Amino acid sequence: MRRKIGSFSSILFFIGLSSYLIALVFAIDIFMICGVIASGIGFILALFAEKGVSRKNGLIGNGVLIFITVVLPFLVRTLYWTGP
């Protein structure tokens, strides 16, 4: 069961990545939201997966996507675009 969870986490990573790329190319915001949700669910599932390649793929891939789509824009808006 835990092996299937790891595989599903990796699949959610690729779904989130493709959704994020579609959002960048075609500027459709709903794909960005779907990509973040898929990456969040995939990251949580990867925490419970069996140790192995699929767990590492899920944790690193989904973590990078969450960092790029959520954390980095928040930091840029907070630190860079704050004016006097």
PDB file of N, CA and C in Angstrom:
ATOM      1  N   MET A   1       0.821  -1.197   0.000  1.00  0.00           N
ATOM      2  CA  MET A   1       0.000   0.000   0.000  1.00  0.00           C
ATOM      3  C   MET A   1       0.868   1.266   0.000  1.00  0.00           C
ATOM      4  N   ARG A   2       1.928   1.245   0.795  1.00  0.00           N
ATOM      5  CA  ARG A   2       2.790   2.424   0.873  1.00  0.00           C
ATOM      6  C   ARG A   2       3.549   2.634  -0.429  1.00  0.00           C
ATOM      7  N   ARG A   3       3.820   1.555  -1.148  1.00  0.00           N
ATOM      8  CA  ARG A   3       4.490   1.690  -2.443  1.00  0.00           C
ATOM      9  C   ARG A   3       3.566   2.362  -3.458  1.00  0.00           C
ATOM     10  N   LYS A   4       2.289   2.029  -3.403  1.00  0.00           N
ATOM     11  CA  LYS A   4       1.319   2.662  -4.298  1.00  0.00           C
ATOM     12  C   LYS A   4       1.167   4.149  -3.980  1.00  0.00           C
ATOM     13  N   ILE A   5       1.254   4.490  -2.708  1.00  0.00           N
ATOM     14  CA  ILE A   5       1.162   5.896  -2.324  1.00  0.00           C
ATOM     15  C   ILE A   5       2.339   6.675  -2.893  1.00  0.00           C
ATOM     16  N   GLY A   6       3.536   6.080  -2.858  1.00  0.00           N
ATOM     17  CA  GLY A   6       4.705   6.736  -3.430  1.00  0.00           C
ATOM     18  C   GLY A   6       4.579   6.925  -4.929  1.00  0.00           C
ATOM     19  N   SER A   7       4.059   5.926  -5.620  1.00  0.00           N
ATOM     20  CA  SER A   7       3.852   6.044  -7.062  1.00  0.00           C
ATOM     21  C   SER A   7       2.800   7.110  -7.374  1.00  0.00           C
ATOM     22  N   PHE A   8       1.747   7.159  -6.586  1.00  0.00           N
ATOM     23  CA  PHE A   8       0.712   8.156  -6.791  1.00  0.00           C
ATOM     24  C   PHE A   8       1.250   9.563  -6.533  1.00  0.00           C
ATOM     25  N   SER A   9       2.152   9.686  -5.564  1.00  0.00           N
ATOM     26  CA  SER A   9       2.782  10.980  -5.302  1.00  0.00           C
ATOM     27  C   SER A   9       3.623  11.430  -6.488  1.00  0.00           C
ATOM     28  N   SER A  10       4.333  10.506  -7.107  1.00  0.00           N
ATOM     29  CA  SER A  10       5.124  10.840  -8.292  1.00  0.00           C
ATOM     30  C   SER A  10       4.231  11.228  -9.460  1.00  0.00           C
ATOM     31  N   ILE A  11       3.111  10.545  -9.603  1.00  0.00           N
ATOM     32  CA  ILE A  11       2.157  10.885 -10.660  1.00  0.00           C
ATOM     33  C   ILE A  11       1.581  12.283 -10.420  1.00  0.00           C
ATOM     34  N   LEU A  12       1.278  12.597  -9.158  1.00  0.00           N
ATOM     35  CA  LEU A  12       0.770  13.932  -8.841  1.00  0.00           C
ATOM     36  C   LEU A  12       1.820  15.005  -9.107  1.00  0.00           C
ATOM     37  N   PHE A  13       3.095  14.653  -8.946  1.00  0.00           N
ATOM     38  CA  PHE A  13       4.155  15.606  -9.290  1.00  0.00           C
ATOM     39  C   PHE A  13       4.116  15.934 -10.776  1.00  0.00           C
ATOM     40  N   PHE A  14       3.996  14.930 -11.621  1.00  0.00           N
ATOM     41  CA  PHE A  14       3.969  15.187 -13.057  1.00  0.00           C
ATOM     42  C   PHE A  14       2.688  15.906 -13.481  1.00  0.00           C
ATOM     43  N   ILE A  15       1.578  15.615 -12.817  1.00  0.00           N
ATOM     44  CA  ILE A  15       0.345  16.345 -13.093  1.00  0.00           C
ATOM     45  C   ILE A  15       0.502  17.815 -12.692  1.00  0.00           C
ATOM     46  N   GLY A  16       1.077  18.061 -11.524  1.00  0.00           N
ATOM     47  CA  GLY A  16       1.299  19.434 -11.077  1.00  0.00           C
ATOM     48  C   GLY A  16       2.274  20.177 -11.974  1.00  0.00           C
ATOM     49  N   LEU A  17       3.323  19.492 -12.425  1.00  0.00           N
ATOM     50  CA  LEU A  17       4.302  20.128 -13.308  1.00  0.00           C
ATOM     51  C   LEU A  17       3.684  20.485 -14.649  1.00  0.00           C
ATOM     52  N   SER A  18       2.929  19.562 -15.234  1.00  0.00           N
ATOM     53  CA  SER A  18       2.298  19.859 -16.525  1.00  0.00           C
ATOM     54  C   SER A  18       1.245  20.951 -16.382  1.00  0.00           C
ATOM     55  N   SER A  19       0.512  20.942 -15.289  1.00  0.00           N
ATOM     56  CA  SER A  19      -0.483  21.980 -15.060  1.00  0.00           C
ATOM     57  C   SER A  19       0.176  23.347 -14.883  1.00  0.00           C
ATOM     58  N   TYR A  20       1.295  23.381 -14.177  1.00  0.00           N
ATOM     59  CA  TYR A  20       2.014  24.638 -13.988  1.00  0.00           C
ATOM     60  C   TYR A  20       2.573  25.146 -15.317  1.00  0.00           C
ATOM     61  N   LEU A  21       3.092  24.268 -16.137  1.00  0.00           N
ATOM     62  CA  LEU A  21       3.622  24.690 -17.441  1.00  0.00           C
ATOM     63  C   LEU A  21       2.509  25.201 -18.357  1.00  0.00           C
ATOM     64  N   ILE A  22       1.352  24.570 -18.315  1.00  0.00           N
ATOM     65  CA  ILE A  22       0.209  25.043 -19.096  1.00  0.00           C
ATOM     66  C   ILE A  22      -0.217  26.429 -18.615  1.00  0.00           C
ATOM     67  N   ALA A  23      -0.197  26.631 -17.289  1.00  0.00           N
ATOM     68  CA  ALA A  23      -0.557  27.940 -16.739  1.00  0.00           C
ATOM     69  C   ALA A  23       0.436  29.014 -17.168  1.00  0.00           C
ATOM     70  N   LEU A  24       1.705  28.671 -17.261  1.00  0.00           N
ATOM     71  CA  LEU A  24       2.702  29.646 -17.700  1.00  0.00           C
ATOM     72  C   LEU A  24       2.570  29.983 -19.178  1.00  0.00           C
ATOM     73  N   VAL A  25       2.324  28.980 -19.998  1.00  0.00           N
ATOM     74  CA  VAL A  25       2.286  29.193 -21.444  1.00  0.00           C
ATOM     75  C   VAL A  25       1.010  29.908 -21.870  1.00  0.00           C
ATOM     76  N   PHE A  26      -0.136  29.459 -21.361  1.00  0.00           N
ATOM     77  CA  PHE A  26      -1.410  29.979 -21.826  1.00  0.00           C
ATOM     78  C   PHE A  26      -2.049  30.996 -20.885  1.00  0.00           C
ATOM     79  N   ALA A  27      -1.425  31.278 -19.746  1.00  0.00           N
ATOM     80  CA  ALA A  27      -1.901  32.258 -18.768  1.00  0.00           C
ATOM     81  C   ALA A  27      -3.325  31.984 -18.303  1.00  0.00           C
ATOM     82  N   ILE A  28      -3.575  30.735 -17.937  1.00  0.00           N
ATOM     83  CA  ILE A  28      -4.875  30.338 -17.391  1.00  0.00           C
ATOM     84  C   ILE A  28      -4.666  30.041 -15.904  1.00  0.00           C
ATOM     85  N   ASP A  29      -5.288  30.838 -15.040  1.00  0.00           N
ATOM     86  CA  ASP A  29      -5.015  30.762 -13.611  1.00  0.00           C
ATOM     87  C   ASP A  29      -5.520  29.484 -12.951  1.00  0.00           C
ATOM     88  N   ILE A  30      -6.579  28.899 -13.474  1.00  0.00           N
ATOM     89  CA  ILE A  30      -7.129  27.696 -12.843  1.00  0.00           C
ATOM     90  C   ILE A  30      -6.143  26.537 -12.911  1.00  0.00           C
ATOM     91  N   PHE A  31      -5.308  26.501 -13.944  1.00  0.00           N
ATOM     92  CA  PHE A  31      -4.291  25.458 -14.030  1.00  0.00           C
ATOM     93  C   PHE A  31      -3.224  25.652 -12.957  1.00  0.00           C
ATOM     94  N   MET A  32      -2.909  26.893 -12.612  1.00  0.00           N
ATOM     95  CA  MET A  32      -1.944  27.164 -11.551  1.00  0.00           C
ATOM     96  C   MET A  32      -2.480  26.660 -10.212  1.00  0.00           C
ATOM     97  N   ILE A  33      -3.747  26.922  -9.954  1.00  0.00           N
ATOM     98  CA  ILE A  33      -4.353  26.478  -8.705  1.00  0.00           C
ATOM     99  C   ILE A  33      -4.397  24.955  -8.642  1.00  0.00           C
ATOM    100  N   CYS A  34      -4.767  24.321  -9.742  1.00  0.00           N
ATOM    101  CA  CYS A  34      -4.807  22.854  -9.784  1.00  0.00           C
ATOM    102  C   CYS A  34      -3.417  22.255  -9.589  1.00  0.00           C
ATOM    103  N   GLY A  35      -2.404  22.889 -10.163  1.00  0.00           N
ATOM    104  CA  GLY A  35      -1.033  22.408 -10.003  1.00  0.00           C
ATOM    105  C   GLY A  35      -0.553  22.506  -8.566  1.00  0.00           C
ATOM    106  N   VAL A  36      -0.880  23.599  -7.888  1.00  0.00           N
ATOM    107  CA  VAL A  36      -0.484  23.767  -6.490  1.00  0.00           C
ATOM    108  C   VAL A  36      -1.204  22.760  -5.602  1.00  0.00           C
ATOM    109  N   ILE A  37      -2.488  22.543  -5.847  1.00  0.00           N
ATOM    110  CA  ILE A  37      -3.242  21.567  -5.051  1.00  0.00           C
ATOM    111  C   ILE A  37      -2.700  20.161  -5.276  1.00  0.00           C
ATOM    112  N   ALA A  38      -2.424  19.796  -6.525  1.00  0.00           N
ATOM    113  CA  ALA A  38      -1.870  18.475  -6.819  1.00  0.00           C
ATOM    114  C   ALA A  38      -0.500  18.302  -6.174  1.00  0.00           C
ATOM    115  N   SER A  39       0.324  19.340  -6.206  1.00  0.00           N
ATOM    116  CA  SER A  39       1.649  19.257  -5.590  1.00  0.00           C
ATOM    117  C   SER A  39       1.553  19.164  -4.068  1.00  0.00           C
ATOM    118  N   GLY A  40       0.624  19.881  -3.479  1.00  0.00           N
ATOM    119  CA  GLY A  40       0.436  19.801  -2.032  1.00  0.00           C
ATOM    120  C   GLY A  40      -0.009  18.429  -1.585  1.00  0.00           C
ATOM    121  N   ILE A  41      -0.973  17.859  -2.292  1.00  0.00           N
ATOM    122  CA  ILE A  41      -1.437  16.514  -1.966  1.00  0.00           C
ATOM    123  C   ILE A  41      -0.327  15.499  -2.195  1.00  0.00           C
ATOM    124  N   GLY A  42       0.418  15.667  -3.291  1.00  0.00           N
ATOM    125  CA  GLY A  42       1.529  14.760  -3.575  1.00  0.00           C
ATOM    126  C   GLY A  42       2.628  14.840  -2.535  1.00  0.00           C
ATOM    127  N   PHE A  43       2.906  16.037  -2.031  1.00  0.00           N
ATOM    128  CA  PHE A  43       3.923  16.196  -0.992  1.00  0.00           C
ATOM    129  C   PHE A  43       3.498  15.508   0.299  1.00  0.00           C
ATOM    130  N   ILE A  44       2.241  15.665   0.675  1.00  0.00           N
ATOM    131  CA  ILE A  44       1.746  15.030   1.892  1.00  0.00           C
ATOM    132  C   ILE A  44       1.752  13.510   1.739  1.00  0.00           C
ATOM    133  N   LEU A  45       1.351  13.008   0.577  1.00  0.00           N
ATOM    134  CA  LEU A  45       1.375  11.565   0.357  1.00  0.00           C
ATOM    135  C   LEU A  45       2.793  11.012   0.355  1.00  0.00           C
ATOM    136  N   ALA A  46       3.742  11.797  -0.140  1.00  0.00           N
ATOM    137  CA  ALA A  46       5.138  11.335  -0.165  1.00  0.00           C
ATOM    138  C   ALA A  46       5.703  11.187   1.242  1.00  0.00           C
ATOM    139  N   LEU A  47       5.184  11.944   2.192  1.00  0.00           N
ATOM    140  CA  LEU A  47       5.643  11.799   3.572  1.00  0.00           C
ATOM    141  C   LEU A  47       5.286  10.436   4.144  1.00  0.00           C
ATOM    142  N   PHE A  48       4.193   9.838   3.672  1.00  0.00           N
ATOM    143  CA  PHE A  48       3.737   8.552   4.187  1.00  0.00           C
ATOM    144  C   PHE A  48       4.144   7.379   3.304  1.00  0.00           C
ATOM    145  N   ALA A  49       4.868   7.639   2.238  1.00  0.00           N
ATOM    146  CA  ALA A  49       5.232   6.589   1.291  1.00  0.00           C
ATOM    147  C   ALA A  49       6.407   5.767   1.816  1.00  0.00           C
ATOM    148  N   GLU A  50       6.578   4.611   1.195  1.00  0.00           N
ATOM    149  CA  GLU A  50       7.698   3.733   1.524  1.00  0.00           C
ATOM    150  C   GLU A  50       9.000   4.375   1.068  1.00  0.00           C
ATOM    151  N   LYS A  51      10.065   4.179   1.830  1.00  0.00           N
ATOM    152  CA  LYS A  51      11.345   4.781   1.482  1.00  0.00           C
ATOM    153  C   LYS A  51      11.849   4.197   0.174  1.00  0.00           C
ATOM    154  N   GLY A  52      12.244   5.084  -0.713  1.00  0.00           N
ATOM    155  CA  GLY A  52      12.730   4.656  -2.018  1.00  0.00           C
ATOM    156  C   GLY A  52      12.760   5.804  -2.989  1.00  0.00           C
ATOM    157  N   VAL A  53      12.864   5.451  -4.264  1.00  0.00           N
ATOM    158  CA  VAL A  53      12.986   6.456  -5.315  1.00  0.00           C
ATOM    159  C   VAL A  53      11.705   7.254  -5.474  1.00  0.00           C
ATOM    160  N   SER A  54      10.560   6.601  -5.416  1.00  0.00           N
ATOM    161  CA  SER A  54       9.304   7.325  -5.623  1.00  0.00           C
ATOM    162  C   SER A  54       9.037   8.311  -4.482  1.00  0.00           C
ATOM    163  N   ARG A  55       9.477   7.964  -3.269  1.00  0.00           N
ATOM    164  CA  ARG A  55       9.309   8.909  -2.156  1.00  0.00           C
ATOM    165  C   ARG A  55      10.190  10.141  -2.362  1.00  0.00           C
ATOM    166  N   LYS A  56      11.441   9.912  -2.749  1.00  0.00           N
ATOM    167  CA  LYS A  56      12.348  11.033  -2.982  1.00  0.00           C
ATOM    168  C   LYS A  56      11.859  11.892  -4.144  1.00  0.00           C
ATOM    169  N   ASN A  57      11.391  11.237  -5.200  1.00  0.00           N
ATOM    170  CA  ASN A  57      10.858  11.968  -6.347  1.00  0.00           C
ATOM    171  C   ASN A  57       9.663  12.814  -5.932  1.00  0.00           C
ATOM    172  N   GLY A  58       8.778  12.251  -5.149  1.00  0.00           N
ATOM    173  CA  GLY A  58       7.594  12.977  -4.695  1.00  0.00           C
ATOM    174  C   GLY A  58       7.939  14.127  -3.775  1.00  0.00           C
ATOM    175  N   LEU A  59       8.834  13.889  -2.813  1.00  0.00           N
ATOM    176  CA  LEU A  59       9.196  14.946  -1.869  1.00  0.00           C
ATOM    177  C   LEU A  59       9.950  16.084  -2.542  1.00  0.00           C
ATOM    178  N   ILE A  60      10.963  15.750  -3.314  1.00  0.00           N
ATOM    179  CA  ILE A  60      11.781  16.792  -3.933  1.00  0.00           C
ATOM    180  C   ILE A  60      11.004  17.518  -5.028  1.00  0.00           C
ATOM    181  N   GLY A  61      10.358  16.770  -5.904  1.00  0.00           N
ATOM    182  CA  GLY A  61       9.631  17.390  -7.008  1.00  0.00           C
ATOM    183  C   GLY A  61       8.479  18.252  -6.548  1.00  0.00           C
ATOM    184  N   ASN A  62       7.640  17.711  -5.696  1.00  0.00           N
ATOM    185  CA  ASN A  62       6.506  18.491  -5.202  1.00  0.00           C
ATOM    186  C   ASN A  62       6.962  19.641  -4.319  1.00  0.00           C
ATOM    187  N   GLY A  63       8.030  19.439  -3.554  1.00  0.00           N
ATOM    188  CA  GLY A  63       8.559  20.515  -2.737  1.00  0.00           C
ATOM    189  C   GLY A  63       9.084  21.668  -3.568  1.00  0.00           C
ATOM    190  N   VAL A  64       9.779  21.355  -4.656  1.00  0.00           N
ATOM    191  CA  VAL A  64      10.288  22.405  -5.545  1.00  0.00           C
ATOM    192  C   VAL A  64       9.134  23.153  -6.207  1.00  0.00           C
ATOM    193  N   LEU A  65       8.122  22.420  -6.656  1.00  0.00           N
ATOM    194  CA  LEU A  65       6.968  23.087  -7.270  1.00  0.00           C
ATOM    195  C   LEU A  65       6.242  23.992  -6.283  1.00  0.00           C
ATOM    196  N   ILE A  66       6.070  23.532  -5.060  1.00  0.00           N
ATOM    197  CA  ILE A  66       5.418  24.368  -4.050  1.00  0.00           C
ATOM    198  C   ILE A  66       6.274  25.587  -3.750  1.00  0.00           C
ATOM    199  N   PHE A  67       7.592  25.405  -3.691  1.00  0.00           N
ATOM    200  CA  PHE A  67       8.479  26.537  -3.428  1.00  0.00           C
ATOM    201  C   PHE A  67       8.395  27.563  -4.545  1.00  0.00           C
ATOM    202  N   ILE A  68       8.406  27.107  -5.800  1.00  0.00           N
ATOM    203  CA  ILE A  68       8.381  28.026  -6.934  1.00  0.00           C
ATOM    204  C   ILE A  68       7.034  28.725  -7.069  1.00  0.00           C
ATOM    205  N   THR A  69       5.953  28.026  -6.810  1.00  0.00           N
ATOM    206  CA  THR A  69       4.634  28.607  -7.056  1.00  0.00           C
ATOM    207  C   THR A  69       4.033  29.330  -5.862  1.00  0.00           C
ATOM    208  N   VAL A  70       4.471  29.014  -4.631  1.00  0.00           N
ATOM    209  CA  VAL A  70       3.849  29.627  -3.456  1.00  0.00           C
ATOM    210  C   VAL A  70       4.852  30.466  -2.664  1.00  0.00           C
ATOM    211  N   VAL A  71       5.951  29.870  -2.262  1.00  0.00           N
ATOM    212  CA  VAL A  71       6.875  30.540  -1.344  1.00  0.00           C
ATOM    213  C   VAL A  71       7.643  31.661  -2.043  1.00  0.00           C
ATOM    214  N   LEU A  72       8.198  31.401  -3.194  1.00  0.00           N
ATOM    215  CA  LEU A  72       8.993  32.406  -3.897  1.00  0.00           C
ATOM    216  C   LEU A  72       8.183  33.656  -4.264  1.00  0.00           C
ATOM    217  N   PRO A  73       6.979  33.527  -4.846  1.00  0.00           N
ATOM    218  CA  PRO A  73       6.194  34.747  -5.095  1.00  0.00           C
ATOM    219  C   PRO A  73       5.826  35.500  -3.816  1.00  0.00           C
ATOM    220  N   PHE A  74       5.565  34.772  -2.733  1.00  0.00           N
ATOM    221  CA  PHE A  74       5.266  35.437  -1.464  1.00  0.00           C
ATOM    222  C   PHE A  74       6.465  36.247  -0.970  1.00  0.00           C
ATOM    223  N   LEU A  75       7.657  35.658  -1.041  1.00  0.00           N
ATOM    224  CA  LEU A  75       8.855  36.374  -0.608  1.00  0.00           C
ATOM    225  C   LEU A  75       9.151  37.583  -1.485  1.00  0.00           C
ATOM    226  N   VAL A  76       8.962  37.440  -2.789  1.00  0.00           N
ATOM    227  CA  VAL A  76       9.222  38.554  -3.696  1.00  0.00           C
ATOM    228  C   VAL A  76       8.238  39.687  -3.419  1.00  0.00           C
ATOM    229  N   ARG A  77       6.964  39.351  -3.265  1.00  0.00           N
ATOM    230  CA  ARG A  77       5.969  40.390  -2.980  1.00  0.00           C
ATOM    231  C   ARG A  77       6.218  41.064  -1.639  1.00  0.00           C
ATOM    232  N   THR A  78       6.629  40.292  -0.657  1.00  0.00           N
ATOM    233  CA  THR A  78       6.826  40.841   0.675  1.00  0.00           C
ATOM    234  C   THR A  78       8.097  41.673   0.773  1.00  0.00           C
ATOM    235  N   LEU A  79       9.202  41.175   0.237  1.00  0.00           N
ATOM    236  CA  LEU A  79      10.493  41.833   0.434  1.00  0.00           C
ATOM    237  C   LEU A  79      10.856  42.821  -0.668  1.00  0.00           C
ATOM    238  N   TYR A  80      10.441  42.548  -1.880  1.00  0.00           N
ATOM    239  CA  TYR A  80      10.898  43.360  -2.991  1.00  0.00           C
ATOM    240  C   TYR A  80       9.922  44.490  -3.336  1.00  0.00           C
ATOM    241  N   TRP A  81       8.630  44.182  -3.373  1.00  0.00           N
ATOM    242  CA  TRP A  81       7.665  45.168  -3.810  1.00  0.00           C
ATOM    243  C   TRP A  81       7.034  45.977  -2.690  1.00  0.00           C
ATOM    244  N   THR A  82       7.630  45.965  -1.543  1.00  0.00           N
ATOM    245  CA  THR A  82       7.131  46.821  -0.476  1.00  0.00           C
ATOM    246  C   THR A  82       7.849  48.152  -0.568  1.00  0.00           C
ATOM    247  N   GLY A  83       7.109  49.176  -0.723  1.00  0.00           N
ATOM    248  CA  GLY A  83       7.685  50.508  -0.871  1.00  0.00           C
ATOM    249  C   GLY A  83       7.333  51.386   0.305  1.00  0.00           C
ATOM    250  N   PRO A  84       7.999  52.516   0.436  1.00  0.00           N
ATOM    251  CA  PRO A  84       7.698  53.413   1.546  1.00  0.00           C
ATOM    252  C   PRO A  84       6.377  54.136   1.359  1.00  0.00           C
TER     253      PRO A  84
END
